[in-house]
Protein backbone atom coordinates (compact mmCIF):
# COMPACT_ATOMS: atom_id res chain seq x y z
CA UNK A 1 6.55 -9.33 64.77
CA UNK A 2 9.76 -10.62 63.20
CA UNK A 3 12.09 -7.82 62.02
CA UNK A 4 14.24 -8.97 59.12
CA UNK A 5 16.48 -5.90 59.52
CA UNK A 6 17.39 -7.06 63.02
CA UNK A 7 18.55 -10.40 61.63
CA UNK A 8 20.59 -8.62 58.99
CA UNK A 9 22.26 -6.48 61.66
CA UNK A 10 23.11 -9.55 63.73
CA UNK A 11 24.69 -11.18 60.67
CA UNK A 12 26.85 -8.10 60.11
CA UNK A 13 27.86 -8.05 63.79
CA UNK A 14 28.88 -11.72 63.59
CA UNK A 15 31.04 -11.01 60.54
CA UNK A 16 32.75 -8.12 62.37
CA UNK A 17 33.48 -10.24 65.45
CA UNK A 18 34.69 -13.23 63.44
CA UNK A 19 36.96 -11.18 61.15
CA UNK A 20 38.18 -8.76 63.82
CA UNK A 21 37.60 -5.55 61.86
CA UNK A 22 35.03 -3.56 59.92
CA UNK A 23 37.23 -3.63 56.82
CA UNK A 24 37.61 -7.41 56.71
CA UNK A 25 33.91 -7.88 57.52
CA UNK A 26 33.01 -5.51 54.69
CA UNK A 27 35.18 -7.50 52.28
CA UNK A 28 33.54 -10.78 53.34
CA UNK A 29 30.02 -9.36 53.02
CA UNK A 30 30.57 -7.38 49.84
CA UNK A 31 29.86 -4.06 51.59
CA UNK A 32 31.83 -0.92 52.34
CA UNK A 33 33.43 -0.43 55.74
CA UNK A 34 31.14 2.53 56.37
CA UNK A 35 28.14 0.39 55.45
CA UNK A 36 29.21 -2.23 58.01
CA UNK A 37 29.67 0.49 60.64
CA UNK A 38 26.20 1.89 59.96
CA UNK A 39 24.62 -1.57 60.14
CA UNK A 40 26.16 -2.19 63.58
CA UNK A 41 25.09 1.26 64.75
CA UNK A 42 21.50 0.59 63.62
CA UNK A 43 21.53 -2.73 65.48
CA UNK A 44 22.75 -1.01 68.66
CA UNK A 45 20.02 1.60 68.27
CA UNK A 46 17.29 -1.04 67.81
CA UNK A 47 18.20 -3.05 70.90
CA UNK A 48 19.34 -0.05 72.98
CA UNK A 49 22.74 -1.50 73.90
CA UNK A 50 26.29 -0.60 72.88
CA UNK A 51 27.74 -3.76 71.46
CA UNK A 52 31.26 -2.77 70.42
CA UNK A 53 33.96 -0.56 71.84
CA UNK A 54 35.81 0.93 68.89
CA UNK A 55 39.11 2.73 68.58
CA UNK A 56 41.09 3.65 65.52
CA UNK A 57 43.26 0.58 66.06
CA UNK A 58 40.98 -2.06 67.58
CA UNK A 59 37.49 -3.09 68.53
CA UNK A 60 36.07 -5.47 71.09
CA UNK A 61 32.68 -6.56 72.35
CA UNK A 62 31.33 -4.78 75.39
CA UNK A 63 30.11 -6.94 78.25
CA UNK A 64 26.53 -6.49 77.01
CA UNK A 65 27.71 -7.12 73.50
CA UNK A 66 29.48 -10.34 74.49
CA UNK A 67 26.33 -11.66 76.22
CA UNK A 68 24.19 -10.71 73.23
CA UNK A 69 26.64 -12.30 70.80
CA UNK A 70 26.82 -15.54 72.80
CA UNK A 71 23.02 -15.80 72.73
CA UNK A 72 22.39 -14.99 69.09
CA UNK A 73 25.27 -16.75 67.31
CA UNK A 74 23.85 -20.25 67.99
CA UNK A 75 20.52 -19.03 66.58
CA UNK A 76 22.24 -17.84 63.42
CA UNK A 77 23.85 -21.24 63.10
CA UNK A 78 20.46 -22.88 63.48
CA UNK A 79 18.97 -20.69 60.77
CA UNK A 80 21.85 -21.50 58.42
CA UNK A 81 21.50 -25.21 59.18
CA UNK A 82 17.74 -25.10 58.58
CA UNK A 83 18.23 -23.24 55.31
CA UNK A 84 20.87 -25.71 54.18
CA UNK A 85 18.60 -28.65 55.05
CA UNK A 86 15.66 -27.09 53.21
CA UNK A 87 17.85 -26.42 50.18
CA UNK A 88 19.10 -30.00 50.36
CA UNK A 89 15.58 -31.37 49.90
CA UNK A 90 15.81 -30.38 46.23
CA UNK A 91 18.90 -32.59 45.91
CA UNK A 92 18.67 -35.33 48.56
CA UNK A 93 15.92 -37.95 48.75
CA UNK A 94 15.03 -37.82 52.43
CA UNK A 95 12.32 -36.84 54.89
CA UNK A 96 8.63 -37.81 54.70
CA UNK A 97 6.88 -38.31 51.36
CA UNK A 98 3.08 -38.17 51.43
CA UNK A 99 1.47 -39.79 48.40
CA UNK A 100 -2.18 -39.62 47.35
CA UNK A 101 -2.65 -42.72 45.19
CA UNK A 102 -5.44 -44.28 43.20
CA UNK A 103 -6.47 -47.49 45.06
CA UNK A 104 -6.07 -49.68 41.96
CA UNK A 105 -2.57 -48.39 41.25
CA UNK A 106 -1.62 -48.65 44.91
CA UNK A 107 -2.78 -52.25 45.34
CA UNK A 108 -1.65 -53.81 42.07
CA UNK A 109 1.36 -51.75 40.99
CA UNK A 110 2.90 -49.69 43.79
CA UNK A 111 2.52 -51.86 46.91
CA UNK A 112 4.34 -54.94 45.54
CA UNK A 113 7.33 -52.74 44.55
CA UNK A 114 7.38 -50.32 47.49
CA UNK A 115 10.11 -52.25 49.30
CA UNK A 116 12.47 -51.64 46.39
CA UNK A 117 11.86 -47.89 46.64
CA UNK A 118 12.46 -47.90 50.40
CA UNK A 119 15.67 -49.90 50.02
CA UNK A 120 16.90 -47.43 47.43
CA UNK A 121 16.30 -44.40 49.70
CA UNK A 122 16.94 -45.37 53.34
CA UNK A 123 16.50 -41.77 54.61
CA UNK A 124 12.94 -41.58 53.29
CA UNK A 125 9.67 -42.29 55.09
CA UNK A 126 6.51 -42.80 53.03
CA UNK A 127 2.86 -42.21 53.85
CA UNK A 128 0.52 -43.74 51.28
CA UNK A 129 -3.09 -42.49 51.25
CA UNK A 130 -5.47 -44.25 48.85
CA UNK A 131 -8.47 -42.29 47.63
CA UNK A 132 -10.82 -42.41 44.69
CA UNK A 133 -10.68 -38.61 44.36
CA UNK A 134 -7.58 -36.45 44.19
CA UNK A 135 -8.94 -33.83 46.60
CA UNK A 136 -6.87 -30.76 47.51
CA UNK A 137 -3.19 -31.73 47.58
CA UNK A 138 -2.03 -28.53 49.24
CA UNK A 139 -4.72 -28.43 51.93
CA UNK A 140 -4.22 -32.14 52.63
CA UNK A 141 -0.44 -31.77 52.88
CA UNK A 142 0.25 -34.18 50.02
CA UNK A 143 3.49 -34.07 48.05
CA UNK A 144 2.33 -35.94 44.96
CA UNK A 145 -0.70 -37.80 43.61
CA UNK A 146 -1.10 -40.60 41.07
CA UNK A 147 -4.40 -40.82 39.21
CA UNK A 148 -5.96 -42.46 36.17
CA UNK A 149 -7.92 -40.20 33.87
CA UNK A 150 -7.64 -36.91 32.07
CA UNK A 151 -6.28 -33.76 33.71
CA UNK A 152 -9.02 -32.04 35.77
CA UNK A 153 -10.38 -28.87 34.23
CA UNK A 154 -9.03 -25.61 35.70
CA UNK A 155 -6.53 -27.47 37.85
CA UNK A 156 -3.55 -25.44 39.11
CA UNK A 157 -1.58 -28.64 39.73
CA UNK A 158 1.43 -29.58 37.65
CA UNK A 159 0.81 -32.83 35.80
CA UNK A 160 2.94 -35.38 34.02
CA UNK A 161 1.56 -38.28 32.02
CA UNK A 162 3.28 -41.47 33.12
CA UNK A 163 1.60 -44.04 30.91
CA UNK A 164 -1.40 -44.91 28.77
CA UNK A 165 -2.91 -48.27 29.64
CA UNK A 166 -5.20 -50.32 27.45
CA UNK A 167 -8.77 -50.88 28.54
CA UNK A 168 -9.53 -54.58 28.12
CA UNK A 169 -12.73 -56.57 28.35
CA UNK A 170 -12.30 -59.64 30.54
CA UNK A 171 -14.18 -62.49 32.15
CA UNK A 172 -13.36 -65.41 34.42
CA UNK A 173 -13.45 -68.92 32.92
CA UNK A 174 -16.19 -69.83 35.40
CA UNK A 175 -18.45 -67.13 33.95
CA UNK A 176 -17.74 -68.19 30.37
CA UNK A 177 -18.40 -71.85 31.14
CA UNK A 178 -21.77 -70.95 32.59
CA UNK A 179 -22.92 -68.24 30.16
CA UNK A 180 -20.89 -68.79 27.00
CA UNK A 181 -18.24 -66.62 25.37
CA UNK A 182 -19.31 -63.49 23.48
CA UNK A 183 -17.74 -63.50 20.01
CA UNK A 184 -18.60 -60.08 18.64
CA UNK A 185 -18.69 -56.76 20.55
CA UNK A 186 -22.46 -56.61 20.03
CA UNK A 187 -22.80 -59.95 21.86
CA UNK A 188 -21.98 -58.19 25.15
CA UNK A 189 -25.54 -56.82 25.17
CA UNK A 190 -26.71 -60.34 26.04
CA UNK A 191 -24.30 -60.79 28.98
CA UNK A 192 -24.07 -59.62 32.57
CA UNK A 193 -21.60 -56.76 32.73
CA UNK A 194 -20.10 -55.27 35.89
CA UNK A 195 -20.77 -51.54 35.74
CA UNK A 196 -18.30 -48.94 37.01
CA UNK A 197 -19.66 -45.68 38.39
CA UNK A 198 -18.52 -42.34 37.00
CA UNK A 199 -17.79 -40.25 40.13
CA UNK A 200 -18.79 -37.03 38.34
CA UNK A 201 -22.25 -38.15 37.18
CA UNK A 202 -23.04 -41.13 39.41
CA UNK A 203 -23.99 -43.06 36.28
CA UNK A 204 -22.18 -46.10 34.87
CA UNK A 205 -19.36 -45.43 32.44
CA UNK A 206 -20.29 -46.24 28.87
CA UNK A 207 -18.46 -49.13 27.25
CA UNK A 208 -16.81 -49.07 23.85
CA UNK A 209 -14.21 -50.97 21.85
CA UNK A 210 -11.66 -49.32 19.56
CA UNK A 211 -9.59 -50.61 16.68
CA UNK A 212 -7.74 -47.94 14.76
CA UNK A 213 -10.31 -45.31 13.86
CA UNK A 214 -13.22 -47.68 14.38
CA UNK A 215 -15.18 -47.14 17.60
CA UNK A 216 -17.97 -49.51 18.63
CA UNK A 217 -20.26 -48.35 21.47
CA UNK A 218 -21.51 -51.23 23.62
CA UNK A 219 -24.93 -51.43 25.21
CA UNK A 220 -24.42 -53.21 28.52
CA UNK A 221 -26.62 -54.40 31.32
CA UNK A 222 -25.83 -55.65 34.79
CA UNK A 223 -27.09 -55.79 38.34
CA UNK A 224 -23.78 -54.79 39.95
CA UNK A 225 -22.57 -51.19 40.04
CA UNK A 226 -19.26 -50.46 41.79
CA UNK A 227 -17.09 -47.39 42.33
CA UNK A 228 -13.77 -49.12 43.05
CA UNK A 229 -11.54 -50.83 40.49
CA UNK A 230 -10.38 -53.40 43.02
CA UNK A 231 -13.97 -54.46 43.65
CA UNK A 232 -14.54 -54.65 39.91
CA UNK A 233 -11.61 -57.02 39.60
CA UNK A 234 -12.63 -59.19 42.55
CA UNK A 235 -16.20 -59.44 41.30
CA UNK A 236 -15.05 -60.40 37.83
CA UNK A 237 -12.65 -63.04 39.19
CA UNK A 238 -15.58 -64.51 41.13
CA UNK A 239 -17.39 -65.16 37.84
CA UNK A 240 -20.22 -62.71 38.49
CA UNK A 241 -19.90 -60.87 35.20
CA UNK A 242 -17.79 -59.41 32.42
CA UNK A 243 -15.75 -56.31 33.21
CA UNK A 244 -13.71 -53.67 31.50
CA UNK A 245 -10.43 -53.11 33.37
CA UNK A 246 -7.04 -51.54 32.80
CA UNK A 247 -4.49 -53.90 31.29
CA UNK A 248 -1.90 -52.41 33.66
CA UNK A 249 -1.48 -54.95 36.44
CA UNK A 250 -3.52 -57.65 34.70
CA UNK A 251 -0.71 -59.72 33.20
CA UNK A 252 -0.52 -62.20 36.13
CA UNK A 253 -4.27 -62.87 35.92
CA UNK A 254 -4.20 -63.28 32.14
CA UNK A 255 -1.05 -65.43 32.11
CA UNK A 256 -2.45 -67.74 34.81
CA UNK A 257 -5.80 -68.08 33.06
CA UNK A 258 -7.77 -66.53 35.92
CA UNK A 259 -9.08 -63.98 33.41
CA UNK A 260 -9.63 -64.15 29.66
CA UNK A 261 -9.16 -61.15 27.37
CA UNK A 262 -12.27 -61.40 25.21
CA UNK A 263 -11.28 -58.96 22.47
CA UNK A 264 -7.49 -58.82 22.07
CA UNK A 265 -7.97 -57.69 18.46
CA UNK A 266 -9.60 -54.46 19.71
CA UNK A 267 -6.53 -52.93 21.40
CA UNK A 268 -6.88 -49.19 20.94
CA UNK A 269 -9.03 -47.93 23.79
CA UNK A 270 -6.57 -46.44 26.27
CA UNK A 271 -6.68 -44.46 29.50
CA UNK A 272 -3.95 -42.15 30.85
CA UNK A 273 -2.14 -42.36 34.16
CA UNK A 274 -0.91 -39.03 35.53
CA UNK A 275 1.05 -37.79 38.48
CA UNK A 276 0.23 -34.41 40.00
CA UNK A 277 2.22 -32.16 42.29
CA UNK A 278 1.68 -28.61 43.57
CA UNK A 279 4.41 -26.58 41.82
CA UNK A 280 7.06 -26.89 39.12
CA UNK A 281 9.44 -24.65 41.10
CA UNK A 282 12.06 -26.28 43.37
CA UNK A 283 10.48 -29.73 43.10
CA UNK A 284 11.81 -31.81 46.03
CA UNK A 285 14.15 -34.64 45.15
CA UNK A 286 11.85 -37.11 46.91
CA UNK A 287 8.99 -36.18 44.55
CA UNK A 288 11.19 -36.48 41.45
CA UNK A 289 12.52 -39.82 42.69
CA UNK A 290 8.99 -41.16 43.25
CA UNK A 291 7.78 -40.08 39.83
CA UNK A 292 10.80 -41.69 38.16
CA UNK A 293 10.16 -44.86 40.20
CA UNK A 294 6.53 -44.99 39.01
CA UNK A 295 7.71 -44.78 35.40
CA UNK A 296 10.19 -47.56 36.11
CA UNK A 297 7.71 -50.02 37.61
CA UNK A 298 5.08 -49.59 34.91
CA UNK A 299 7.53 -49.52 32.02
């Protein structure tokens, strides 16, 4: 079992050898000279070897002490280097960053901009894991997660809301040419709608439109039920039905005419995008940099 007192004694011994006296070592360590002497004596007692020959005027390492010192000093240096590196992770963006990302956000928002993030931080390696569920960040070894939706109940994770995206109702021109364009929200009841599965209940999410304080629930029907936003988008683009999607990432499809926003005058249904990370204490610089980058690319 590791003995922290042994490490402390070795540190005191190193200070004595490097400074050449108990008094100077005591001054460097913020101890008394007698405290330094006792620490060295305890170290000698623990390992069963006399390390220093002392006189009133000088001290020197014994042969056993010299061998011991030569073996342990490099280890002390390694510990200091490791501690400095670990401390540096709160200031320097480097190492491996493991990200648990919503598939929709990963595909449409993060992936096209990831090269910019890598160019900005050349000492960083990134592992992107796309999942529909957040899972257990700590058990899975994840540094940060990005998820749409409200904060999970009883979660111990630290959360930060990055954005609120509109929920828009869209259709492909091919669908509208074949089935007509719904004018009023109630008209959606007569159209094929692509249903999205609530992972908590297994049932389709209910549709609604919002304008100010006015909320209109929508009765929908459809033969397609999906549990992935990317599949929802692809199915809608193929003209199979009308879908409700996040406006985030949809601008290219709307600008090109591949999708039509059916109710732009009902703009107030929104959905949050959060990031989650395990602790608010000593947050690594790589995590802070990634969160700031997410805000930048969706702003």
